[in-house]
Amino acid sequence: MSHIWCHGPKCHTYTTQDRVRGSKGSKVLRTRKVKQHTDRSWYNPNNWYNWFCSMGCYNDFANTHCQQMIKIAPRHEPLETPCQVNTETRTGWDGREYSYKTVDKLSNVG
């Protein structure tokens, strides 16, 4: 297992006890370390929690760097998944029938 520093641009500004470092008179708020469980079978290097200490730090990074991230893989056409809409009649708690629609993805998707 290894550690890296959180990539949140404001991580070092959040006032939590675990971020306080230093001796009396020269205290600082420091960016948190993030554990990377590279020695585990379930480790996936593409998950956000390998690079950020919290969802807040992840959102700070995404909001700060959104334009650059979109430039990496811009989307010029929508994505589509073939599906089928089925309608079935159900009976409610009061004994009345109502229509209920379900959307099923078609299995021939590559």
PDB file of N, CA and C in Angstrom:
ATOM      1  N   MET A   1       0.858  -1.175   0.000  1.00  0.00           N
ATOM      2  CA  MET A   1       0.000   0.000   0.000  1.00  0.00           C
ATOM      3  C   MET A   1       0.901   1.234   0.000  1.00  0.00           C
ATOM      4  N   SER A   2       0.535   2.189  -0.822  1.00  0.00           N
ATOM      5  CA  SER A   2       1.302   3.429  -0.880  1.00  0.00           C
ATOM      6  C   SER A   2       0.367   4.611  -0.611  1.00  0.00           C
ATOM      7  N   HIS A   3       0.931   5.790  -0.470  1.00  0.00           N
ATOM      8  CA  HIS A   3       0.170   7.008  -0.218  1.00  0.00           C
ATOM      9  C   HIS A   3       0.540   8.068  -1.242  1.00  0.00           C
ATOM     10  N   ILE A   4      -0.432   8.888  -1.567  1.00  0.00           N
ATOM     11  CA  ILE A   4      -0.184  10.075  -2.382  1.00  0.00           C
ATOM     12  C   ILE A   4      -0.911  11.237  -1.716  1.00  0.00           C
ATOM     13  N   TRP A   5      -0.618  12.445  -2.128  1.00  0.00           N
ATOM     14  CA  TRP A   5      -1.314  13.610  -1.599  1.00  0.00           C
ATOM     15  C   TRP A   5      -2.629  13.804  -2.343  1.00  0.00           C
ATOM     16  N   CYS A   6      -3.658  14.216  -1.618  1.00  0.00           N
ATOM     17  CA  CYS A   6      -4.965  14.508  -2.214  1.00  0.00           C
ATOM     18  C   CYS A   6      -4.796  15.568  -3.294  1.00  0.00           C
ATOM     19  N   HIS A   7      -5.496  15.417  -4.402  1.00  0.00           N
ATOM     20  CA  HIS A   7      -5.409  16.350  -5.518  1.00  0.00           C
ATOM     21  C   HIS A   7      -6.412  17.501  -5.437  1.00  0.00           C
ATOM     22  N   GLY A   8      -7.189  17.553  -4.369  1.00  0.00           N
ATOM     23  CA  GLY A   8      -8.149  18.643  -4.206  1.00  0.00           C
ATOM     24  C   GLY A   8      -7.435  19.978  -4.066  1.00  0.00           C
ATOM     25  N   PRO A   9      -7.772  20.967  -4.894  1.00  0.00           N
ATOM     26  CA  PRO A   9      -7.050  22.246  -4.867  1.00  0.00           C
ATOM     27  C   PRO A   9      -7.250  23.036  -3.577  1.00  0.00           C
ATOM     28  N   LYS A  10      -8.295  22.730  -2.804  1.00  0.00           N
ATOM     29  CA  LYS A  10      -8.540  23.451  -1.550  1.00  0.00           C
ATOM     30  C   LYS A  10      -8.414  22.541  -0.331  1.00  0.00           C
ATOM     31  N   CYS A  11      -7.879  21.334  -0.507  1.00  0.00           N
ATOM     32  CA  CYS A  11      -7.773  20.376   0.591  1.00  0.00           C
ATOM     33  C   CYS A  11      -7.048  20.978   1.793  1.00  0.00           C
ATOM     34  N   HIS A  12      -5.987  21.719   1.553  1.00  0.00           N
ATOM     35  CA  HIS A  12      -5.171  22.298   2.625  1.00  0.00           C
ATOM     36  C   HIS A  12      -5.828  23.484   3.323  1.00  0.00           C
ATOM     37  N   THR A  13      -7.028  23.890   2.882  1.00  0.00           N
ATOM     38  CA  THR A  13      -7.697  25.024   3.514  1.00  0.00           C
ATOM     39  C   THR A  13      -8.819  24.605   4.455  1.00  0.00           C
ATOM     40  N   TYR A  14      -9.216  23.343   4.432  1.00  0.00           N
ATOM     41  CA  TYR A  14     -10.319  22.877   5.281  1.00  0.00           C
ATOM     42  C   TYR A  14      -9.837  22.678   6.717  1.00  0.00           C
ATOM     43  N   THR A  15     -10.557  23.244   7.661  1.00  0.00           N
ATOM     44  CA  THR A  15     -10.126  23.238   9.057  1.00  0.00           C
ATOM     45  C   THR A  15     -10.633  21.994   9.788  1.00  0.00           C
ATOM     46  N   THR A  16      -9.901  20.908   9.645  1.00  0.00           N
ATOM     47  CA  THR A  16     -10.181  19.680  10.388  1.00  0.00           C
ATOM     48  C   THR A  16      -8.934  19.321  11.198  1.00  0.00           C
ATOM     49  N   GLN A  17      -9.122  18.635  12.326  1.00  0.00           N
ATOM     50  CA  GLN A  17      -8.011  18.306  13.221  1.00  0.00           C
ATOM     51  C   GLN A  17      -6.934  17.464  12.548  1.00  0.00           C
ATOM     52  N   ASP A  18      -7.334  16.556  11.645  1.00  0.00           N
ATOM     53  CA  ASP A  18      -6.335  15.686  11.024  1.00  0.00           C
ATOM     54  C   ASP A  18      -5.460  16.413  10.006  1.00  0.00           C
ATOM     55  N   ARG A  19      -5.792  17.644   9.643  1.00  0.00           N
ATOM     56  CA  ARG A  19      -4.970  18.415   8.714  1.00  0.00           C
ATOM     57  C   ARG A  19      -3.965  19.324   9.430  1.00  0.00           C
ATOM     58  N   VAL A  20      -4.121  19.514  10.737  1.00  0.00           N
ATOM     59  CA  VAL A  20      -3.245  20.413  11.489  1.00  0.00           C
ATOM     60  C   VAL A  20      -1.901  19.729  11.717  1.00  0.00           C
ATOM     61  N   ARG A  21      -0.818  20.418  11.357  1.00  0.00           N
ATOM     62  CA  ARG A  21       0.544  19.909  11.521  1.00  0.00           C
ATOM     63  C   ARG A  21       1.434  21.022  12.058  1.00  0.00           C
ATOM     64  N   GLY A  22       2.555  20.653  12.651  1.00  0.00           N
ATOM     65  CA  GLY A  22       3.531  21.627  13.125  1.00  0.00           C
ATOM     66  C   GLY A  22       3.546  21.757  14.633  1.00  0.00           C
ATOM     67  N   SER A  23       4.540  22.478  15.119  1.00  0.00           N
ATOM     68  CA  SER A  23       4.678  22.693  16.560  1.00  0.00           C
ATOM     69  C   SER A  23       4.041  24.024  16.942  1.00  0.00           C
ATOM     70  N   LYS A  24       3.934  24.240  18.242  1.00  0.00           N
ATOM     71  CA  LYS A  24       3.283  25.442  18.759  1.00  0.00           C
ATOM     72  C   LYS A  24       3.923  26.692  18.153  1.00  0.00           C
ATOM     73  N   GLY A  25       3.112  27.562  17.627  1.00  0.00           N
ATOM     74  CA  GLY A  25       3.601  28.796  17.028  1.00  0.00           C
ATOM     75  C   GLY A  25       3.815  28.717  15.524  1.00  0.00           C
ATOM     76  N   SER A  26       3.890  27.516  14.988  1.00  0.00           N
ATOM     77  CA  SER A  26       4.077  27.395  13.531  1.00  0.00           C
ATOM     78  C   SER A  26       3.192  26.282  12.968  1.00  0.00           C
ATOM     79  N   LYS A  27       1.935  26.321  13.333  1.00  0.00           N
ATOM     80  CA  LYS A  27       0.970  25.326  12.871  1.00  0.00           C
ATOM     81  C   LYS A  27       0.524  25.637  11.444  1.00  0.00           C
ATOM     82  N   VAL A  28       0.240  24.585  10.671  1.00  0.00           N
ATOM     83  CA  VAL A  28      -0.270  24.726   9.309  1.00  0.00           C
ATOM     84  C   VAL A  28      -1.374  23.709   9.080  1.00  0.00           C
ATOM     85  N   LEU A  29      -2.222  23.997   8.124  1.00  0.00           N
ATOM     86  CA  LEU A  29      -3.190  23.013   7.624  1.00  0.00           C
ATOM     87  C   LEU A  29      -2.554  22.368   6.410  1.00  0.00           C
ATOM     88  N   ARG A  30      -2.465  21.053   6.405  1.00  0.00           N
ATOM     89  CA  ARG A  30      -1.767  20.338   5.341  1.00  0.00           C
ATOM     90  C   ARG A  30      -2.743  19.458   4.562  1.00  0.00           C
ATOM     91  N   THR A  31      -2.484  19.325   3.268  1.00  0.00           N
ATOM     92  CA  THR A  31      -3.237  18.416   2.409  1.00  0.00           C
ATOM     93  C   THR A  31      -3.184  17.009   2.987  1.00  0.00           C
ATOM     94  N   ARG A  32      -4.304  16.283   2.921  1.00  0.00           N
ATOM     95  CA  ARG A  32      -4.357  14.910   3.430  1.00  0.00           C
ATOM     96  C   ARG A  32      -3.646  13.940   2.499  1.00  0.00           C
ATOM     97  N   LYS A  33      -3.175  12.841   3.085  1.00  0.00           N
ATOM     98  CA  LYS A  33      -2.648  11.737   2.297  1.00  0.00           C
ATOM     99  C   LYS A  33      -3.801  10.807   1.936  1.00  0.00           C
ATOM    100  N   VAL A  34      -3.693  10.172   0.783  1.00  0.00           N
ATOM    101  CA  VAL A  34      -4.708   9.223   0.324  1.00  0.00           C
ATOM    102  C   VAL A  34      -4.043   7.866   0.160  1.00  0.00           C
ATOM    103  N   LYS A  35      -4.629   6.843   0.769  1.00  0.00           N
ATOM    104  CA  LYS A  35      -4.087   5.494   0.637  1.00  0.00           C
ATOM    105  C   LYS A  35      -4.393   4.931  -0.740  1.00  0.00           C
ATOM    106  N   GLN A  36      -3.420   4.311  -1.342  1.00  0.00           N
ATOM    107  CA  GLN A  36      -3.623   3.594  -2.598  1.00  0.00           C
ATOM    108  C   GLN A  36      -3.320   2.124  -2.318  1.00  0.00           C
ATOM    109  N   HIS A  37      -4.351   1.307  -2.353  1.00  0.00           N
ATOM    110  CA  HIS A  37      -4.232  -0.114  -2.035  1.00  0.00           C
ATOM    111  C   HIS A  37      -3.778  -0.903  -3.262  1.00  0.00           C
ATOM    112  N   THR A  38      -2.611  -0.563  -3.789  1.00  0.00           N
ATOM    113  CA  THR A  38      -2.132  -1.185  -5.022  1.00  0.00           C
ATOM    114  C   THR A  38      -1.817  -2.661  -4.856  1.00  0.00           C
ATOM    115  N   ASP A  39      -1.671  -3.125  -3.609  1.00  0.00           N
ATOM    116  CA  ASP A  39      -1.364  -4.525  -3.360  1.00  0.00           C
ATOM    117  C   ASP A  39      -2.617  -5.388  -3.195  1.00  0.00           C
ATOM    118  N   ARG A  40      -3.786  -4.822  -3.387  1.00  0.00           N
ATOM    119  CA  ARG A  40      -5.052  -5.554  -3.225  1.00  0.00           C
ATOM    120  C   ARG A  40      -5.615  -5.960  -4.576  1.00  0.00           C
ATOM    121  N   SER A  41      -6.288  -7.084  -4.610  1.00  0.00           N
ATOM    122  CA  SER A  41      -6.841  -7.579  -5.875  1.00  0.00           C
ATOM    123  C   SER A  41      -7.978  -6.700  -6.392  1.00  0.00           C
ATOM    124  N   TRP A  42      -8.682  -6.020  -5.498  1.00  0.00           N
ATOM    125  CA  TRP A  42      -9.819  -5.195  -5.900  1.00  0.00           C
ATOM    126  C   TRP A  42      -9.404  -3.781  -6.307  1.00  0.00           C
ATOM    127  N   TYR A  43      -8.111  -3.441  -6.224  1.00  0.00           N
ATOM    128  CA  TYR A  43      -7.649  -2.091  -6.542  1.00  0.00           C
ATOM    129  C   TYR A  43      -7.911  -1.762  -8.009  1.00  0.00           C
ATOM    130  N   ASN A  44      -8.508  -0.609  -8.243  1.00  0.00           N
ATOM    131  CA  ASN A  44      -8.770  -0.121  -9.592  1.00  0.00           C
ATOM    132  C   ASN A  44      -8.207   1.295  -9.683  1.00  0.00           C
ATOM    133  N   PRO A  45      -7.139   1.513 -10.455  1.00  0.00           N
ATOM    134  CA  PRO A  45      -6.510   2.838 -10.502  1.00  0.00           C
ATOM    135  C   PRO A  45      -7.391   3.926 -11.112  1.00  0.00           C
ATOM    136  N   ASN A  46      -8.518   3.568 -11.695  1.00  0.00           N
ATOM    137  CA  ASN A  46      -9.389   4.553 -12.330  1.00  0.00           C
ATOM    138  C   ASN A  46     -10.461   5.111 -11.396  1.00  0.00           C
ATOM    139  N   ASN A  47     -10.539   4.664 -10.159  1.00  0.00           N
ATOM    140  CA  ASN A  47     -11.542   5.171  -9.223  1.00  0.00           C
ATOM    141  C   ASN A  47     -11.083   6.485  -8.599  1.00  0.00           C
ATOM    142  N   TRP A  48     -11.996   7.424  -8.454  1.00  0.00           N
ATOM    143  CA  TRP A  48     -11.660   8.756  -7.962  1.00  0.00           C
ATOM    144  C   TRP A  48     -11.114   8.720  -6.548  1.00  0.00           C
ATOM    145  N   TYR A  49     -11.563   7.776  -5.730  1.00  0.00           N
ATOM    146  CA  TYR A  49     -11.129   7.768  -4.334  1.00  0.00           C
ATOM    147  C   TYR A  49      -9.680   7.321  -4.160  1.00  0.00           C
ATOM    148  N   ASN A  50      -8.981   6.984  -5.229  1.00  0.00           N
ATOM    149  CA  ASN A  50      -7.541   6.733  -5.153  1.00  0.00           C
ATOM    150  C   ASN A  50      -6.742   8.029  -5.223  1.00  0.00           C
ATOM    151  N   TRP A  51      -7.387   9.125  -5.563  1.00  0.00           N
ATOM    152  CA  TRP A  51      -6.682  10.386  -5.791  1.00  0.00           C
ATOM    153  C   TRP A  51      -7.192  11.532  -4.918  1.00  0.00           C
ATOM    154  N   PHE A  52      -8.332  11.348  -4.267  1.00  0.00           N
ATOM    155  CA  PHE A  52      -8.945  12.411  -3.469  1.00  0.00           C
ATOM    156  C   PHE A  52      -9.345  11.858  -2.103  1.00  0.00           C
ATOM    157  N   CYS A  53      -9.222  12.699  -1.065  1.00  0.00           N
ATOM    158  CA  CYS A  53      -9.535  12.248   0.291  1.00  0.00           C
ATOM    159  C   CYS A  53     -11.029  12.287   0.589  1.00  0.00           C
ATOM    160  N   SER A  54     -11.791  13.014  -0.204  1.00  0.00           N
ATOM    161  CA  SER A  54     -13.232  13.118   0.042  1.00  0.00           C
ATOM    162  C   SER A  54     -13.944  13.515  -1.250  1.00  0.00           C
ATOM    163  N   MET A  55     -15.247  13.376  -1.240  1.00  0.00           N
ATOM    164  CA  MET A  55     -16.049  13.790  -2.385  1.00  0.00           C
ATOM    165  C   MET A  55     -15.967  15.310  -2.569  1.00  0.00           C
ATOM    166  N   GLY A  56     -15.829  16.048  -1.459  1.00  0.00           N
ATOM    167  CA  GLY A  56     -15.692  17.497  -1.552  1.00  0.00           C
ATOM    168  C   GLY A  56     -14.439  17.898  -2.319  1.00  0.00           C
ATOM    169  N   CYS A  57     -13.304  17.239  -2.020  1.00  0.00           N
ATOM    170  CA  CYS A  57     -12.062  17.544  -2.735  1.00  0.00           C
ATOM    171  C   CYS A  57     -12.167  17.135  -4.205  1.00  0.00           C
ATOM    172  N   TYR A  58     -12.845  16.026  -4.463  1.00  0.00           N
ATOM    173  CA  TYR A  58     -13.071  15.601  -5.862  1.00  0.00           C
ATOM    174  C   TYR A  58     -13.879  16.661  -6.606  1.00  0.00           C
ATOM    175  N   ASN A  59     -14.955  17.142  -5.976  1.00  0.00           N
ATOM    176  CA  ASN A  59     -15.798  18.160  -6.618  1.00  0.00           C
ATOM    177  C   ASN A  59     -15.041  19.472  -6.823  1.00  0.00           C
ATOM    178  N   ASP A  60     -14.199  19.853  -5.852  1.00  0.00           N
ATOM    179  CA  ASP A  60     -13.381  21.066  -6.017  1.00  0.00           C
ATOM    180  C   ASP A  60     -12.486  20.937  -7.248  1.00  0.00           C
ATOM    181  N   PHE A  61     -11.853  19.776  -7.401  1.00  0.00           N
ATOM    182  CA  PHE A  61     -10.966  19.538  -8.541  1.00  0.00           C
ATOM    183  C   PHE A  61     -11.759  19.583  -9.850  1.00  0.00           C
ATOM    184  N   ALA A  62     -12.904  18.884  -9.877  1.00  0.00           N
ATOM    185  CA  ALA A  62     -13.718  18.842 -11.096  1.00  0.00           C
ATOM    186  C   ALA A  62     -14.222  20.230 -11.475  1.00  0.00           C
ATOM    187  N   ASN A  63     -14.645  21.009 -10.492  1.00  0.00           N
ATOM    188  CA  ASN A  63     -15.133  22.361 -10.782  1.00  0.00           C
ATOM    189  C   ASN A  63     -14.015  23.278 -11.257  1.00  0.00           C
ATOM    190  N   THR A  64     -12.811  23.094 -10.715  1.00  0.00           N
ATOM    191  CA  THR A  64     -11.671  23.923 -11.108  1.00  0.00           C
ATOM    192  C   THR A  64     -11.163  23.564 -12.500  1.00  0.00           C
ATOM    193  N   HIS A  65     -11.168  22.276 -12.822  1.00  0.00           N
ATOM    194  CA  HIS A  65     -10.531  21.810 -14.061  1.00  0.00           C
ATOM    195  C   HIS A  65     -11.515  21.227 -15.084  1.00  0.00           C
ATOM    196  N   CYS A  66     -12.775  21.577 -14.976  1.00  0.00           N
ATOM    197  CA  CYS A  66     -13.810  21.016 -15.851  1.00  0.00           C
ATOM    198  C   CYS A  66     -13.508  21.235 -17.332  1.00  0.00           C
ATOM    199  N   GLN A  67     -13.132  22.437 -17.712  1.00  0.00           N
ATOM    200  CA  GLN A  67     -12.881  22.732 -19.120  1.00  0.00           C
ATOM    201  C   GLN A  67     -11.744  21.882 -19.685  1.00  0.00           C
ATOM    202  N   GLN A  68     -10.670  21.710 -18.907  1.00  0.00           N
ATOM    203  CA  GLN A  68      -9.545  20.894 -19.364  1.00  0.00           C
ATOM    204  C   GLN A  68      -9.939  19.420 -19.483  1.00  0.00           C
ATOM    205  N   MET A  69     -10.772  18.934 -18.548  1.00  0.00           N
ATOM    206  CA  MET A  69     -11.197  17.533 -18.599  1.00  0.00           C
ATOM    207  C   MET A  69     -12.050  17.254 -19.827  1.00  0.00           C
ATOM    208  N   ILE A  70     -12.926  18.171 -20.167  1.00  0.00           N
ATOM    209  CA  ILE A  70     -13.786  17.983 -21.332  1.00  0.00           C
ATOM    210  C   ILE A  70     -12.959  17.992 -22.616  1.00  0.00           C
ATOM    211  N   LYS A  71     -11.877  18.764 -22.645  1.00  0.00           N
ATOM    212  CA  LYS A  71     -11.016  18.796 -23.828  1.00  0.00           C
ATOM    213  C   LYS A  71     -10.335  17.451 -24.079  1.00  0.00           C
ATOM    214  N   ILE A  72     -10.161  16.649 -23.040  1.00  0.00           N
ATOM    215  CA  ILE A  72      -9.532  15.335 -23.196  1.00  0.00           C
ATOM    216  C   ILE A  72     -10.395  14.425 -24.066  1.00  0.00           C
ATOM    217  N   ALA A  73     -11.698  14.420 -23.823  1.00  0.00           N
ATOM    218  CA  ALA A  73     -12.598  13.551 -24.581  1.00  0.00           C
ATOM    219  C   ALA A  73     -13.912  14.277 -24.843  1.00  0.00           C
ATOM    220  N   PRO A  74     -13.909  15.227 -25.782  1.00  0.00           N
ATOM    221  CA  PRO A  74     -15.150  15.956 -26.059  1.00  0.00           C
ATOM    222  C   PRO A  74     -16.204  15.048 -26.683  1.00  0.00           C
ATOM    223  N   ARG A  75     -17.460  15.345 -26.394  1.00  0.00           N
ATOM    224  CA  ARG A  75     -18.555  14.556 -26.944  1.00  0.00           C
ATOM    225  C   ARG A  75     -19.297  15.413 -27.951  1.00  0.00           C
ATOM    226  N   HIS A  76     -19.315  14.954 -29.216  1.00  0.00           N
ATOM    227  CA  HIS A  76     -19.981  15.696 -30.282  1.00  0.00           C
ATOM    228  C   HIS A  76     -21.274  15.036 -30.728  1.00  0.00           C
ATOM    229  N   GLU A  77     -21.513  13.811 -30.258  1.00  0.00           N
ATOM    230  CA  GLU A  77     -22.746  13.087 -30.572  1.00  0.00           C
ATOM    231  C   GLU A  77     -23.232  12.401 -29.304  1.00  0.00           C
ATOM    232  N   PRO A  78     -24.539  12.215 -29.175  1.00  0.00           N
ATOM    233  CA  PRO A  78     -25.042  11.531 -27.981  1.00  0.00           C
ATOM    234  C   PRO A  78     -24.743  10.035 -28.035  1.00  0.00           C
ATOM    235  N   LEU A  79     -24.656   9.430 -26.852  1.00  0.00           N
ATOM    236  CA  LEU A  79     -24.547   7.978 -26.776  1.00  0.00           C
ATOM    237  C   LEU A  79     -25.956   7.407 -26.692  1.00  0.00           C
ATOM    238  N   GLU A  80     -26.148   6.206 -27.197  1.00  0.00           N
ATOM    239  CA  GLU A  80     -27.470   5.579 -27.171  1.00  0.00           C
ATOM    240  C   GLU A  80     -27.335   4.111 -26.806  1.00  0.00           C
ATOM    241  N   THR A  81     -28.331   3.608 -26.070  1.00  0.00           N
ATOM    242  CA  THR A  81     -28.419   2.199 -25.727  1.00  0.00           C
ATOM    243  C   THR A  81     -29.778   1.693 -26.196  1.00  0.00           C
ATOM    244  N   PRO A  82     -29.818   0.672 -27.051  1.00  0.00           N
ATOM    245  CA  PRO A  82     -31.108   0.130 -27.495  1.00  0.00           C
ATOM    246  C   PRO A  82     -31.907  -0.416 -26.309  1.00  0.00           C
ATOM    247  N   CYS A  83     -33.195  -0.136 -26.301  1.00  0.00           N
ATOM    248  CA  CYS A  83     -34.038  -0.602 -25.201  1.00  0.00           C
ATOM    249  C   CYS A  83     -35.440  -0.903 -25.708  1.00  0.00           C
ATOM    250  N   GLN A  84     -36.201  -1.518 -24.829  1.00  0.00           N
ATOM    251  CA  GLN A  84     -37.593  -1.840 -25.128  1.00  0.00           C
ATOM    252  C   GLN A  84     -38.431  -1.381 -23.941  1.00  0.00           C
ATOM    253  N   VAL A  85     -39.551  -0.682 -24.211  1.00  0.00           N
ATOM    254  CA  VAL A  85     -40.441  -0.210 -23.156  1.00  0.00           C
ATOM    255  C   VAL A  85     -41.619  -1.162 -23.069  1.00  0.00           C
ATOM    256  N   ASN A  86     -41.827  -1.719 -21.886  1.00  0.00           N
ATOM    257  CA  ASN A  86     -42.939  -2.649 -21.657  1.00  0.00           C
ATOM    258  C   ASN A  86     -43.939  -2.014 -20.708  1.00  0.00           C
ATOM    259  N   THR A  87     -45.213  -2.208 -20.975  1.00  0.00           N
ATOM    260  CA  THR A  87     -46.265  -1.710 -20.108  1.00  0.00           C
ATOM    261  C   THR A  87     -47.009  -2.899 -19.519  1.00  0.00           C
ATOM    262  N   GLU A  88     -47.170  -2.882 -18.200  1.00  0.00           N
ATOM    263  CA  GLU A  88     -47.923  -3.956 -17.554  1.00  0.00           C
ATOM    264  C   GLU A  88     -48.947  -3.336 -16.616  1.00  0.00           C
ATOM    265  N   THR A  89     -49.989  -4.078 -16.336  1.00  0.00           N
ATOM    266  CA  THR A  89     -51.031  -3.615 -15.435  1.00  0.00           C
ATOM    267  C   THR A  89     -50.775  -4.209 -14.063  1.00  0.00           C
ATOM    268  N   ARG A  90     -50.778  -3.342 -13.054  1.00  0.00           N
ATOM    269  CA  ARG A  90     -50.559  -3.771 -11.672  1.00  0.00           C
ATOM    270  C   ARG A  90     -51.736  -3.333 -10.814  1.00  0.00           C
ATOM    271  N   THR A  91     -51.817  -3.932  -9.657  1.00  0.00           N
ATOM    272  CA  THR A  91     -52.863  -3.581  -8.708  1.00  0.00           C
ATOM    273  C   THR A  91     -52.222  -2.858  -7.527  1.00  0.00           C
ATOM    274  N   GLY A  92     -52.746  -1.685  -7.200  1.00  0.00           N
ATOM    275  CA  GLY A  92     -52.206  -0.886  -6.109  1.00  0.00           C
ATOM    276  C   GLY A  92     -52.696  -1.369  -4.753  1.00  0.00           C
ATOM    277  N   TRP A  93     -52.225  -0.729  -3.700  1.00  0.00           N
ATOM    278  CA  TRP A  93     -52.588  -1.099  -2.341  1.00  0.00           C
ATOM    279  C   TRP A  93     -54.083  -0.929  -2.082  1.00  0.00           C
ATOM    280  N   ASP A  94     -54.715  -0.045  -2.874  1.00  0.00           N
ATOM    281  CA  ASP A  94     -56.150   0.209  -2.697  1.00  0.00           C
ATOM    282  C   ASP A  94     -57.024  -0.660  -3.598  1.00  0.00           C
ATOM    283  N   GLY A  95     -56.432  -1.609  -4.304  1.00  0.00           N
ATOM    284  CA  GLY A  95     -57.184  -2.517  -5.159  1.00  0.00           C
ATOM    285  C   GLY A  95     -57.426  -2.001  -6.569  1.00  0.00           C
ATOM    286  N   ARG A  96     -57.016  -0.800  -6.876  1.00  0.00           N
ATOM    287  CA  ARG A  96     -57.205  -0.237  -8.209  1.00  0.00           C
ATOM    288  C   ARG A  96     -56.058  -0.654  -9.118  1.00  0.00           C
ATOM    289  N   GLU A  97     -56.378  -0.856 -10.383  1.00  0.00           N
ATOM    290  CA  GLU A  97     -55.359  -1.211 -11.361  1.00  0.00           C
ATOM    291  C   GLU A  97     -54.735   0.058 -11.945  1.00  0.00           C
ATOM    292  N   TYR A  98     -53.447  -0.043 -12.254  1.00  0.00           N
ATOM    293  CA  TYR A  98     -52.751   1.067 -12.887  1.00  0.00           C
ATOM    294  C   TYR A  98     -51.718   0.502 -13.848  1.00  0.00           C
ATOM    295  N   SER A  99     -51.301   1.350 -14.794  1.00  0.00           N
ATOM    296  CA  SER A  99     -50.288   0.940 -15.763  1.00  0.00           C
ATOM    297  C   SER A  99     -48.904   1.272 -15.218  1.00  0.00           C
ATOM    298  N   TYR A 100     -47.988   0.336 -15.412  1.00  0.00           N
ATOM    299  CA  TYR A 100     -46.611   0.515 -14.967  1.00  0.00           C
ATOM    300  C   TYR A 100     -45.687   0.216 -16.132  1.00  0.00           C
ATOM    301  N   LYS A 101     -44.780   1.152 -16.424  1.00  0.00           N
ATOM    302  CA  LYS A 101     -43.870   0.964 -17.552  1.00  0.00           C
ATOM    303  C   LYS A 101     -42.484   0.607 -17.045  1.00  0.00           C
ATOM    304  N   THR A 102     -41.846  -0.343 -17.723  1.00  0.00           N
ATOM    305  CA  THR A 102     -40.464  -0.709 -17.423  1.00  0.00           C
ATOM    306  C   THR A 102     -39.647  -0.525 -18.688  1.00  0.00           C
ATOM    307  N   VAL A 103     -38.396  -0.179 -18.506  1.00  0.00           N
ATOM    308  CA  VAL A 103     -37.476  -0.019 -19.628  1.00  0.00           C
ATOM    309  C   VAL A 103     -36.408  -1.095 -19.486  1.00  0.00           C
ATOM    310  N   ASP A 104     -36.291  -1.945 -20.494  1.00  0.00           N
ATOM    311  CA  ASP A 104     -35.314  -3.025 -20.492  1.00  0.00           C
ATOM    312  C   ASP A 104     -34.281  -2.774 -21.597  1.00  0.00           C
ATOM    313  N   LYS A 105     -33.012  -2.828 -21.191  1.00  0.00           N
ATOM    314  CA  LYS A 105     -31.946  -2.721 -22.192  1.00  0.00           C
ATOM    315  C   LYS A 105     -31.919  -4.010 -23.020  1.00  0.00           C
ATOM    316  N   LEU A 106     -31.680  -3.864 -24.301  1.00  0.00           N
ATOM    317  CA  LEU A 106     -31.589  -5.029 -25.157  1.00  0.00           C
ATOM    318  C   LEU A 106     -30.201  -5.637 -25.033  1.00  0.00           C
ATOM    319  N   SER A 107     -30.130  -6.957 -24.994  1.00  0.00           N
ATOM    320  CA  SER A 107     -28.882  -7.641 -24.703  1.00  0.00           C
ATOM    321  C   SER A 107     -27.904  -7.692 -25.890  1.00  0.00           C
ATOM    322  N   ASN A 108     -28.319  -7.243 -27.064  1.00  0.00           N
ATOM    323  CA  ASN A 108     -27.415  -7.311 -28.226  1.00  0.00           C
ATOM    324  C   ASN A 108     -26.476  -6.120 -28.291  1.00  0.00           C
ATOM    325  N   VAL A 109     -26.316  -5.412 -27.163  1.00  0.00           N
ATOM    326  CA  VAL A 109     -25.413  -4.267 -27.121  1.00  0.00           C
ATOM    327  C   VAL A 109     -23.982  -4.792 -26.960  1.00  0.00           C
ATOM    328  N   GLY A 110     -23.041  -4.276 -27.755  1.00  0.00           N
ATOM    329  CA  GLY A 110     -21.667  -4.714 -27.726  1.00  0.00           C
ATOM    330  C   GLY A 110     -20.932  -4.218 -26.604  1.00  0.00           C
TER     331      GLY A 110
END
